[in-house]
Amino acid sequence: MYEHLLNIREAAEFLGIGERKIKELVDTGKLPAYKIGGTFLRFKRSQLDIARTALYRKDETGVSPGDTEAVYSSFDGVRDFLYFNDFYILSIIIILIAVVLMTAT
């Protein structure tokens, strides 16, 4: 059985931090991530559990890295939808144009 991989938004909600912070942690190598198709980041819940304990430990300044609040607007939802489904949307548009051209002649 395979383990469900979380996307960036789900990982941010799971860890209680912002999506930018997630990307920063991945870029610095502090958070393990998997790329699908070279661009889509995915995370294993088991690895996020381990990272969560490390994130919520207070550093010397007494500030936890998890203090950032995740903000996800409706615009972000539309942007994510278009980003993850752009191939399908473009394919439907091309098919519709082809059908219109075939029925017009």
PDB file of N, CA and C in Angstrom:
ATOM      1  N   MET A   1       0.844  -1.175   0.000  1.00  0.00           N
ATOM      2  CA  MET A   1       0.000   0.000   0.000  1.00  0.00           C
ATOM      3  C   MET A   1       0.891   1.241   0.000  1.00  0.00           C
ATOM      4  N   TYR A   2       0.500   2.228  -0.768  1.00  0.00           N
ATOM      5  CA  TYR A   2       1.306   3.435  -0.858  1.00  0.00           C
ATOM      6  C   TYR A   2       0.861   4.461   0.177  1.00  0.00           C
ATOM      7  N   GLU A   3       1.777   5.344   0.523  1.00  0.00           N
ATOM      8  CA  GLU A   3       1.474   6.402   1.487  1.00  0.00           C
ATOM      9  C   GLU A   3       1.036   7.646   0.729  1.00  0.00           C
ATOM     10  N   HIS A   4      -0.041   8.273   1.172  1.00  0.00           N
ATOM     11  CA  HIS A   4      -0.536   9.490   0.535  1.00  0.00           C
ATOM     12  C   HIS A   4       0.483  10.610   0.735  1.00  0.00           C
ATOM     13  N   LEU A   5       0.894  11.242  -0.343  1.00  0.00           N
ATOM     14  CA  LEU A   5       1.830  12.350  -0.265  1.00  0.00           C
ATOM     15  C   LEU A   5       1.054  13.659  -0.169  1.00  0.00           C
ATOM     16  N   LEU A   6       1.501  14.542   0.703  1.00  0.00           N
ATOM     17  CA  LEU A   6       0.842  15.826   0.910  1.00  0.00           C
ATOM     18  C   LEU A   6       1.430  16.877  -0.020  1.00  0.00           C
ATOM     19  N   ASN A   7       0.601  17.826  -0.478  1.00  0.00           N
ATOM     20  CA  ASN A   7       1.132  18.936  -1.269  1.00  0.00           C
ATOM     21  C   ASN A   7       1.612  20.043  -0.327  1.00  0.00           C
ATOM     22  N   ILE A   8       2.070  21.144  -0.894  1.00  0.00           N
ATOM     23  CA  ILE A   8       2.665  22.216  -0.082  1.00  0.00           C
ATOM     24  C   ILE A   8       1.636  22.802   0.885  1.00  0.00           C
ATOM     25  N   ARG A   9       0.420  23.035   0.400  1.00  0.00           N
ATOM     26  CA  ARG A   9      -0.611  23.628   1.254  1.00  0.00           C
ATOM     27  C   ARG A   9      -0.951  22.703   2.419  1.00  0.00           C
ATOM     28  N   GLU A  10      -1.124  21.417   2.130  1.00  0.00           N
ATOM     29  CA  GLU A  10      -1.452  20.458   3.184  1.00  0.00           C
ATOM     30  C   GLU A  10      -0.309  20.336   4.189  1.00  0.00           C
ATOM     31  N   ALA A  11       0.937  20.364   3.689  1.00  0.00           N
ATOM     32  CA  ALA A  11       2.096  20.300   4.586  1.00  0.00           C
ATOM     33  C   ALA A  11       2.160  21.541   5.469  1.00  0.00           C
ATOM     34  N   ALA A  12       1.854  22.708   4.893  1.00  0.00           N
ATOM     35  CA  ALA A  12       1.868  23.951   5.668  1.00  0.00           C
ATOM     36  C   ALA A  12       0.808  23.915   6.767  1.00  0.00           C
ATOM     37  N   GLU A  13      -0.378  23.413   6.438  1.00  0.00           N
ATOM     38  CA  GLU A  13      -1.436  23.294   7.446  1.00  0.00           C
ATOM     39  C   GLU A  13      -1.051  22.281   8.517  1.00  0.00           C
ATOM     40  N   PHE A  14      -0.434  21.181   8.104  1.00  0.00           N
ATOM     41  CA  PHE A  14      -0.037  20.128   9.035  1.00  0.00           C
ATOM     42  C   PHE A  14       1.014  20.638  10.024  1.00  0.00           C
ATOM     43  N   LEU A  15       1.974  21.424   9.504  1.00  0.00           N
ATOM     44  CA  LEU A  15       3.045  21.931  10.362  1.00  0.00           C
ATOM     45  C   LEU A  15       2.678  23.245  11.046  1.00  0.00           C
ATOM     46  N   GLY A  16       1.637  23.917  10.563  1.00  0.00           N
ATOM     47  CA  GLY A  16       1.233  25.184  11.162  1.00  0.00           C
ATOM     48  C   GLY A  16       2.127  26.348  10.787  1.00  0.00           C
ATOM     49  N   ILE A  17       2.728  26.287   9.605  1.00  0.00           N
ATOM     50  CA  ILE A  17       3.578  27.376   9.127  1.00  0.00           C
ATOM     51  C   ILE A  17       3.146  27.753   7.717  1.00  0.00           C
ATOM     52  N   GLY A  18       3.688  28.843   7.196  1.00  0.00           N
ATOM     53  CA  GLY A  18       3.323  29.319   5.875  1.00  0.00           C
ATOM     54  C   GLY A  18       3.977  28.516   4.754  1.00  0.00           C
ATOM     55  N   GLU A  19       3.395  28.657   3.565  1.00  0.00           N
ATOM     56  CA  GLU A  19       3.911  27.927   2.407  1.00  0.00           C
ATOM     57  C   GLU A  19       5.313  28.399   2.025  1.00  0.00           C
ATOM     58  N   ARG A  20       5.567  29.700   2.178  1.00  0.00           N
ATOM     59  CA  ARG A  20       6.919  30.211   1.877  1.00  0.00           C
ATOM     60  C   ARG A  20       7.963  29.599   2.806  1.00  0.00           C
ATOM     61  N   LYS A  21       7.586  29.452   4.068  1.00  0.00           N
ATOM     62  CA  LYS A  21       8.503  28.845   5.035  1.00  0.00           C
ATOM     63  C   LYS A  21       8.787  27.391   4.659  1.00  0.00           C
ATOM     64  N   ILE A  22       7.751  26.698   4.173  1.00  0.00           N
ATOM     65  CA  ILE A  22       7.938  25.311   3.712  1.00  0.00           C
ATOM     66  C   ILE A  22       8.965  25.274   2.596  1.00  0.00           C
ATOM     67  N   LYS A  23       8.801  26.165   1.600  1.00  0.00           N
ATOM     68  CA  LYS A  23       9.729  26.200   0.463  1.00  0.00           C
ATOM     69  C   LYS A  23      11.144  26.541   0.916  1.00  0.00           C
ATOM     70  N   GLU A  24      11.266  27.453   1.882  1.00  0.00           N
ATOM     71  CA  GLU A  24      12.591  27.806   2.403  1.00  0.00           C
ATOM     72  C   GLU A  24      13.240  26.605   3.085  1.00  0.00           C
ATOM     73  N   LEU A  25      12.456  25.871   3.885  1.00  0.00           N
ATOM     74  CA  LEU A  25      12.989  24.698   4.575  1.00  0.00           C
ATOM     75  C   LEU A  25      13.417  23.617   3.585  1.00  0.00           C
ATOM     76  N   VAL A  26      12.666  23.463   2.497  1.00  0.00           N
ATOM     77  CA  VAL A  26      13.033  22.484   1.477  1.00  0.00           C
ATOM     78  C   VAL A  26      14.306  22.922   0.773  1.00  0.00           C
ATOM     79  N   ASP A  27      14.396  24.210   0.435  1.00  0.00           N
ATOM     80  CA  ASP A  27      15.581  24.731  -0.261  1.00  0.00           C
ATOM     81  C   ASP A  27      16.844  24.600   0.577  1.00  0.00           C
ATOM     82  N   THR A  28      16.710  24.750   1.902  1.00  0.00           N
ATOM     83  CA  THR A  28      17.883  24.644   2.773  1.00  0.00           C
ATOM     84  C   THR A  28      18.180  23.212   3.177  1.00  0.00           C
ATOM     85  N   GLY A  29      17.298  22.279   2.801  1.00  0.00           N
ATOM     86  CA  GLY A  29      17.518  20.869   3.110  1.00  0.00           C
ATOM     87  C   GLY A  29      17.074  20.456   4.501  1.00  0.00           C
ATOM     88  N   LYS A  30      16.335  21.319   5.191  1.00  0.00           N
ATOM     89  CA  LYS A  30      15.870  20.996   6.540  1.00  0.00           C
ATOM     90  C   LYS A  30      14.575  20.199   6.533  1.00  0.00           C
ATOM     91  N   LEU A  31      13.922  20.133   5.371  1.00  0.00           N
ATOM     92  CA  LEU A  31      12.663  19.402   5.254  1.00  0.00           C
ATOM     93  C   LEU A  31      12.732  18.519   4.008  1.00  0.00           C
ATOM     94  N   PRO A  32      12.588  17.199   4.184  1.00  0.00           N
ATOM     95  CA  PRO A  32      12.647  16.314   3.014  1.00  0.00           C
ATOM     96  C   PRO A  32      11.390  16.448   2.161  1.00  0.00           C
ATOM     97  N   ALA A  33      11.576  16.494   0.846  1.00  0.00           N
ATOM     98  CA  ALA A  33      10.452  16.628  -0.082  1.00  0.00           C
ATOM     99  C   ALA A  33      10.719  15.806  -1.329  1.00  0.00           C
ATOM    100  N   TYR A  34       9.666  15.526  -2.053  1.00  0.00           N
ATOM    101  CA  TYR A  34       9.755  14.765  -3.299  1.00  0.00           C
ATOM    102  C   TYR A  34       9.216  15.618  -4.426  1.00  0.00           C
ATOM    103  N   LYS A  35       9.899  15.585  -5.549  1.00  0.00           N
ATOM    104  CA  LYS A  35       9.431  16.331  -6.713  1.00  0.00           C
ATOM    105  C   LYS A  35       8.771  15.369  -7.677  1.00  0.00           C
ATOM    106  N   ILE A  36       7.613  15.772  -8.143  1.00  0.00           N
ATOM    107  CA  ILE A  36       6.895  14.999  -9.142  1.00  0.00           C
ATOM    108  C   ILE A  36       6.905  15.826 -10.414  1.00  0.00           C
ATOM    109  N   GLY A  37       7.450  15.278 -11.460  1.00  0.00           N
ATOM    110  CA  GLY A  37       7.545  16.012 -12.713  1.00  0.00           C
ATOM    111  C   GLY A  37       8.549  17.147 -12.646  1.00  0.00           C
ATOM    112  N   GLY A  38       9.436  17.121 -11.682  1.00  0.00           N
ATOM    113  CA  GLY A  38      10.474  18.137 -11.566  1.00  0.00           C
ATOM    114  C   GLY A  38      10.046  19.415 -10.887  1.00  0.00           C
ATOM    115  N   THR A  39       8.744  19.617 -10.668  1.00  0.00           N
ATOM    116  CA  THR A  39       8.317  20.884 -10.077  1.00  0.00           C
ATOM    117  C   THR A  39       7.374  20.744  -8.891  1.00  0.00           C
ATOM    118  N   PHE A  40       6.551  19.723  -8.847  1.00  0.00           N
ATOM    119  CA  PHE A  40       5.556  19.631  -7.794  1.00  0.00           C
ATOM    120  C   PHE A  40       6.173  19.013  -6.540  1.00  0.00           C
ATOM    121  N   LEU A  41       6.175  19.759  -5.453  1.00  0.00           N
ATOM    122  CA  LEU A  41       6.712  19.249  -4.199  1.00  0.00           C
ATOM    123  C   LEU A  41       5.647  18.438  -3.468  1.00  0.00           C
ATOM    124  N   ARG A  42       6.052  17.304  -2.953  1.00  0.00           N
ATOM    125  CA  ARG A  42       5.175  16.452  -2.145  1.00  0.00           C
ATOM    126  C   ARG A  42       5.929  16.004  -0.903  1.00  0.00           C
ATOM    127  N   PHE A  43       5.187  15.717   0.154  1.00  0.00           N
ATOM    128  CA  PHE A  43       5.787  15.384   1.433  1.00  0.00           C
ATOM    129  C   PHE A  43       5.140  14.141   2.012  1.00  0.00           C
ATOM    130  N   LYS A  44       5.936  13.322   2.703  1.00  0.00           N
ATOM    131  CA  LYS A  44       5.401  12.174   3.430  1.00  0.00           C
ATOM    132  C   LYS A  44       4.996  12.632   4.823  1.00  0.00           C
ATOM    133  N   ARG A  45       3.828  12.200   5.269  1.00  0.00           N
ATOM    134  CA  ARG A  45       3.326  12.594   6.589  1.00  0.00           C
ATOM    135  C   ARG A  45       4.262  12.119   7.700  1.00  0.00           C
ATOM    136  N   SER A  46       4.835  10.925   7.537  1.00  0.00           N
ATOM    137  CA  SER A  46       5.729  10.396   8.571  1.00  0.00           C
ATOM    138  C   SER A  46       6.975  11.267   8.719  1.00  0.00           C
ATOM    139  N   GLN A  47       7.481  11.771   7.597  1.00  0.00           N
ATOM    140  CA  GLN A  47       8.649  12.648   7.671  1.00  0.00           C
ATOM    141  C   GLN A  47       8.281  14.018   8.225  1.00  0.00           C
ATOM    142  N   LEU A  48       7.049  14.473   7.947  1.00  0.00           N
ATOM    143  CA  LEU A  48       6.612  15.747   8.505  1.00  0.00           C
ATOM    144  C   LEU A  48       6.416  15.665  10.014  1.00  0.00           C
ATOM    145  N   ASP A  49       6.010  14.494  10.513  1.00  0.00           N
ATOM    146  CA  ASP A  49       5.907  14.303  11.962  1.00  0.00           C
ATOM    147  C   ASP A  49       7.253  14.539  12.635  1.00  0.00           C
ATOM    148  N   ILE A  50       8.287  13.977  12.047  1.00  0.00           N
ATOM    149  CA  ILE A  50       9.640  14.147  12.593  1.00  0.00           C
ATOM    150  C   ILE A  50      10.071  15.610  12.498  1.00  0.00           C
ATOM    151  N   ALA A  51       9.781  16.236  11.363  1.00  0.00           N
ATOM    152  CA  ALA A  51      10.165  17.642  11.174  1.00  0.00           C
ATOM    153  C   ALA A  51       9.390  18.561  12.117  1.00  0.00           C
ATOM    154  N   ARG A  52       8.136  18.197  12.418  1.00  0.00           N
ATOM    155  CA  ARG A  52       7.325  19.034  13.301  1.00  0.00           C
ATOM    156  C   ARG A  52       7.937  19.117  14.690  1.00  0.00           C
ATOM    157  N   THR A  53       8.449  18.007  15.196  1.00  0.00           N
ATOM    158  CA  THR A  53       9.065  18.055  16.525  1.00  0.00           C
ATOM    159  C   THR A  53      10.299  18.947  16.516  1.00  0.00           C
ATOM    160  N   ALA A  54      11.040  18.920  15.413  1.00  0.00           N
ATOM    161  CA  ALA A  54      12.227  19.777  15.316  1.00  0.00           C
ATOM    162  C   ALA A  54      11.839  21.245  15.149  1.00  0.00           C
ATOM    163  N   LEU A  55      10.760  21.518  14.433  1.00  0.00           N
ATOM    164  CA  LEU A  55      10.339  22.898  14.193  1.00  0.00           C
ATOM    165  C   LEU A  55       9.816  23.572  15.451  1.00  0.00           C
ATOM    166  N   TYR A  56       9.155  22.808  16.308  1.00  0.00           N
ATOM    167  CA  TYR A  56       8.542  23.417  17.473  1.00  0.00           C
ATOM    168  C   TYR A  56       9.446  23.497  18.690  1.00  0.00           C
ATOM    169  N   ARG A  57      10.681  23.030  18.545  1.00  0.00           N
ATOM    170  CA  ARG A  57      11.650  23.246  19.616  1.00  0.00           C
ATOM    171  C   ARG A  57      12.084  24.698  19.590  1.00  0.00           C
ATOM    172  N   LYS A  58      12.093  25.314  20.700  1.00  0.00           N
ATOM    173  CA  LYS A  58      12.502  26.717  20.775  1.00  0.00           C
ATOM    174  C   LYS A  58      14.016  26.814  20.594  1.00  0.00           C
ATOM    175  N   ASP A  59      14.422  27.845  19.824  1.00  0.00           N
ATOM    176  CA  ASP A  59      15.862  28.073  19.682  1.00  0.00           C
ATOM    177  C   ASP A  59      16.347  28.988  20.806  1.00  0.00           C
ATOM    178  N   GLU A  60      17.577  29.469  20.704  1.00  0.00           N
ATOM    179  CA  GLU A  60      18.162  30.285  21.778  1.00  0.00           C
ATOM    180  C   GLU A  60      17.384  31.579  22.016  1.00  0.00           C
ATOM    181  N   THR A  61      16.755  32.118  20.957  1.00  0.00           N
ATOM    182  CA  THR A  61      16.033  33.377  21.099  1.00  0.00           C
ATOM    183  C   THR A  61      14.649  33.182  21.704  1.00  0.00           C
ATOM    184  N   GLY A  62      14.188  31.936  21.805  1.00  0.00           N
ATOM    185  CA  GLY A  62      12.879  31.667  22.365  1.00  0.00           C
ATOM    186  C   GLY A  62      11.755  31.768  21.359  1.00  0.00           C
ATOM    187  N   VAL A  63      12.101  31.936  20.081  1.00  0.00           N
ATOM    188  CA  VAL A  63      11.090  32.053  19.043  1.00  0.00           C
ATOM    189  C   VAL A  63      11.049  30.754  18.264  1.00  0.00           C
ATOM    190  N   SER A  64       9.863  30.211  18.131  1.00  0.00           N
ATOM    191  CA  SER A  64       9.689  28.977  17.383  1.00  0.00           C
ATOM    192  C   SER A  64       9.488  29.292  15.903  1.00  0.00           C
ATOM    193  N   PRO A  65      10.117  28.530  15.004  1.00  0.00           N
ATOM    194  CA  PRO A  65       9.904  28.769  13.580  1.00  0.00           C
ATOM    195  C   PRO A  65       8.462  28.522  13.156  1.00  0.00           C
ATOM    196  N   GLY A  66       7.680  27.851  13.952  1.00  0.00           N
ATOM    197  CA  GLY A  66       6.295  27.573  13.617  1.00  0.00           C
ATOM    198  C   GLY A  66       5.339  28.697  13.960  1.00  0.00           C
ATOM    199  N   ASP A  67       5.848  29.860  14.368  1.00  0.00           N
ATOM    200  CA  ASP A  67       4.986  30.960  14.755  1.00  0.00           C
ATOM    201  C   ASP A  67       4.354  31.685  13.566  1.00  0.00           C
ATOM    202  N   THR A  68       4.805  31.413  12.350  1.00  0.00           N
ATOM    203  CA  THR A  68       4.251  32.048  11.170  1.00  0.00           C
ATOM    204  C   THR A  68       2.886  31.455  10.856  1.00  0.00           C
ATOM    205  N   GLU A  69       1.927  32.308  10.560  1.00  0.00           N
ATOM    206  CA  GLU A  69       0.574  31.831  10.287  1.00  0.00           C
ATOM    207  C   GLU A  69       0.404  31.594   8.784  1.00  0.00           C
ATOM    208  N   ALA A  70      -0.191  30.468   8.423  1.00  0.00           N
ATOM    209  CA  ALA A  70      -0.436  30.140   7.023  1.00  0.00           C
ATOM    210  C   ALA A  70      -1.683  30.872   6.547  1.00  0.00           C
ATOM    211  N   VAL A  71      -1.532  31.651   5.492  1.00  0.00           N
ATOM    212  CA  VAL A  71      -2.651  32.385   4.927  1.00  0.00           C
ATOM    213  C   VAL A  71      -2.871  31.860   3.518  1.00  0.00           C
ATOM    214  N   TYR A  72      -4.090  31.417   3.242  1.00  0.00           N
ATOM    215  CA  TYR A  72      -4.414  30.828   1.946  1.00  0.00           C
ATOM    216  C   TYR A  72      -5.697  31.476   1.449  1.00  0.00           C
ATOM    217  N   SER A  73      -5.573  32.353   0.465  1.00  0.00           N
ATOM    218  CA  SER A  73      -6.744  33.072  -0.039  1.00  0.00           C
ATOM    219  C   SER A  73      -7.402  32.300  -1.177  1.00  0.00           C
ATOM    220  N   SER A  74      -8.567  32.790  -1.613  1.00  0.00           N
ATOM    221  CA  SER A  74      -9.262  32.147  -2.728  1.00  0.00           C
ATOM    222  C   SER A  74      -8.478  32.312  -4.019  1.00  0.00           C
ATOM    223  N   PHE A  75      -7.749  33.419  -4.150  1.00  0.00           N
ATOM    224  CA  PHE A  75      -6.894  33.603  -5.333  1.00  0.00           C
ATOM    225  C   PHE A  75      -5.828  32.519  -5.398  1.00  0.00           C
ATOM    226  N   ASP A  76      -5.261  32.156  -4.255  1.00  0.00           N
ATOM    227  CA  ASP A  76      -4.263  31.085  -4.215  1.00  0.00           C
ATOM    228  C   ASP A  76      -4.874  29.764  -4.643  1.00  0.00           C
ATOM    229  N   GLY A  77      -6.133  29.527  -4.276  1.00  0.00           N
ATOM    230  CA  GLY A  77      -6.807  28.308  -4.686  1.00  0.00           C
ATOM    231  C   GLY A  77      -6.996  28.238  -6.192  1.00  0.00           C
ATOM    232  N   VAL A  78      -7.387  29.360  -6.796  1.00  0.00           N
ATOM    233  CA  VAL A  78      -7.556  29.414  -8.251  1.00  0.00           C
ATOM    234  C   VAL A  78      -6.204  29.237  -8.935  1.00  0.00           C
ATOM    235  N   ARG A  79      -5.192  29.899  -8.405  1.00  0.00           N
ATOM    236  CA  ARG A  79      -3.849  29.788  -8.985  1.00  0.00           C
ATOM    237  C   ARG A  79      -3.344  28.349  -8.921  1.00  0.00           C
ATOM    238  N   ASP A  80      -3.539  27.687  -7.791  1.00  0.00           N
ATOM    239  CA  ASP A  80      -3.122  26.287  -7.669  1.00  0.00           C
ATOM    240  C   ASP A  80      -3.903  25.392  -8.628  1.00  0.00           C
ATOM    241  N   PHE A  81      -5.208  25.642  -8.759  1.00  0.00           N
ATOM    242  CA  PHE A  81      -6.021  24.844  -9.677  1.00  0.00           C
ATOM    243  C   PHE A  81      -5.500  24.977 -11.101  1.00  0.00           C
ATOM    244  N   LEU A  82      -5.244  26.208 -11.540  1.00  0.00           N
ATOM    245  CA  LEU A  82      -4.733  26.411 -12.899  1.00  0.00           C
ATOM    246  C   LEU A  82      -3.340  25.821 -13.067  1.00  0.00           C
ATOM    247  N   TYR A  83      -2.516  25.925 -12.048  1.00  0.00           N
ATOM    248  CA  TYR A  83      -1.155  25.415 -12.119  1.00  0.00           C
ATOM    249  C   TYR A  83      -1.130  23.891 -12.254  1.00  0.00           C
ATOM    250  N   PHE A  84      -1.959  23.205 -11.485  1.00  0.00           N
ATOM    251  CA  PHE A  84      -1.948  21.746 -11.494  1.00  0.00           C
ATOM    252  C   PHE A  84      -2.776  21.140 -12.625  1.00  0.00           C
ATOM    253  N   ASN A  85      -3.680  21.921 -13.240  1.00  0.00           N
ATOM    254  CA  ASN A  85      -4.566  21.388 -14.266  1.00  0.00           C
ATOM    255  C   ASN A  85      -4.423  22.089 -15.606  1.00  0.00           C
ATOM    256  N   ASP A  86      -3.330  22.826 -15.818  1.00  0.00           N
ATOM    257  CA  ASP A  86      -3.187  23.586 -17.053  1.00  0.00           C
ATOM    258  C   ASP A  86      -3.188  22.702 -18.298  1.00  0.00           C
ATOM    259  N   PHE A  87      -2.625  21.536 -18.231  1.00  0.00           N
ATOM    260  CA  PHE A  87      -2.594  20.630 -19.380  1.00  0.00           C
ATOM    261  C   PHE A  87      -4.015  20.221 -19.778  1.00  0.00           C
ATOM    262  N   TYR A  88      -4.830  19.878 -18.806  1.00  0.00           N
ATOM    263  CA  TYR A  88      -6.193  19.436 -19.087  1.00  0.00           C
ATOM    264  C   TYR A  88      -7.055  20.582 -19.621  1.00  0.00           C
ATOM    265  N   ILE A  89      -6.881  21.764 -19.069  1.00  0.00           N
ATOM    266  CA  ILE A  89      -7.640  22.918 -19.534  1.00  0.00           C
ATOM    267  C   ILE A  89      -7.278  23.238 -20.979  1.00  0.00           C
ATOM    268  N   LEU A  90      -5.989  23.252 -21.285  1.00  0.00           N
ATOM    269  CA  LEU A  90      -5.527  23.525 -22.648  1.00  0.00           C
ATOM    270  C   LEU A  90      -6.018  22.451 -23.613  1.00  0.00           C
ATOM    271  N   SER A  91      -6.006  21.191 -23.192  1.00  0.00           N
ATOM    272  CA  SER A  91      -6.487  20.094 -24.040  1.00  0.00           C
ATOM    273  C   SER A  91      -7.973  20.248 -24.360  1.00  0.00           C
ATOM    274  N   ILE A  92      -8.762  20.616 -23.381  1.00  0.00           N
ATOM    275  CA  ILE A  92     -10.201  20.808 -23.605  1.00  0.00           C
ATOM    276  C   ILE A  92     -10.440  21.953 -24.575  1.00  0.00           C
ATOM    277  N   ILE A  93      -9.694  23.031 -24.438  1.00  0.00           N
ATOM    278  CA  ILE A  93      -9.847  24.171 -25.345  1.00  0.00           C
ATOM    279  C   ILE A  93      -9.506  23.774 -26.776  1.00  0.00           C
ATOM    280  N   ILE A  94      -8.424  23.039 -26.970  1.00  0.00           N
ATOM    281  CA  ILE A  94      -8.023  22.605 -28.310  1.00  0.00           C
ATOM    282  C   ILE A  94      -9.069  21.665 -28.904  1.00  0.00           C
ATOM    283  N   ILE A  95      -9.598  20.754 -28.111  1.00  0.00           N
ATOM    284  CA  ILE A  95     -10.637  19.833 -28.598  1.00  0.00           C
ATOM    285  C   ILE A  95     -11.892  20.600 -28.978  1.00  0.00           C
ATOM    286  N   LEU A  96     -12.311  21.564 -28.172  1.00  0.00           N
ATOM    287  CA  LEU A  96     -13.494  22.359 -28.484  1.00  0.00           C
ATOM    288  C   LEU A  96     -13.305  23.149 -29.770  1.00  0.00           C
ATOM    289  N   ILE A  97     -12.137  23.721 -29.974  1.00  0.00           N
ATOM    290  CA  ILE A  97     -11.854  24.460 -31.210  1.00  0.00           C
ATOM    291  C   ILE A  97     -11.910  23.515 -32.410  1.00  0.00           C
ATOM    292  N   ALA A  98     -11.359  22.309 -32.259  1.00  0.00           N
ATOM    293  CA  ALA A  98     -11.381  21.342 -33.346  1.00  0.00           C
ATOM    294  C   ALA A  98     -12.807  20.921 -33.673  1.00  0.00           C
ATOM    295  N   VAL A  99     -13.629  20.717 -32.664  1.00  0.00           N
ATOM    296  CA  VAL A  99     -15.029  20.328 -32.884  1.00  0.00           C
ATOM    297  C   VAL A  99     -15.791  21.454 -33.574  1.00  0.00           C
ATOM    298  N   VAL A 100     -15.577  22.682 -33.149  1.00  0.00           N
ATOM    299  CA  VAL A 100     -16.252  23.830 -33.781  1.00  0.00           C
ATOM    300  C   VAL A 100     -15.820  23.945 -35.234  1.00  0.00           C
ATOM    301  N   LEU A 101     -14.545  23.795 -35.519  1.00  0.00           N
ATOM    302  CA  LEU A 101     -14.058  23.888 -36.903  1.00  0.00           C
ATOM    303  C   LEU A 101     -14.605  22.760 -37.766  1.00  0.00           C
ATOM    304  N   MET A 102     -14.746  21.560 -37.224  1.00  0.00           N
ATOM    305  CA  MET A 102     -15.257  20.430 -37.992  1.00  0.00           C
ATOM    306  C   MET A 102     -16.745  20.571 -38.263  1.00  0.00           C
ATOM    307  N   THR A 103     -17.489  21.120 -37.328  1.00  0.00           N
ATOM    308  CA  THR A 103     -18.933  21.263 -37.543  1.00  0.00           C
ATOM    309  C   THR A 103     -19.253  22.498 -38.394  1.00  0.00           C
ATOM    310  N   ALA A 104     -18.372  23.455 -38.477  1.00  0.00           N
ATOM    311  CA  ALA A 104     -18.606  24.667 -39.254  1.00  0.00           C
ATOM    312  C   ALA A 104     -18.462  24.405 -40.752  1.00  0.00           C
ATOM    313  N   THR A 105     -17.745  23.376 -41.125  1.00  0.00           N
ATOM    314  CA  THR A 105     -17.536  23.119 -42.565  1.00  0.00           C
ATOM    315  C   THR A 105     -18.503  22.145 -43.142  1.00  0.00           C
TER     316      THR A 105
END
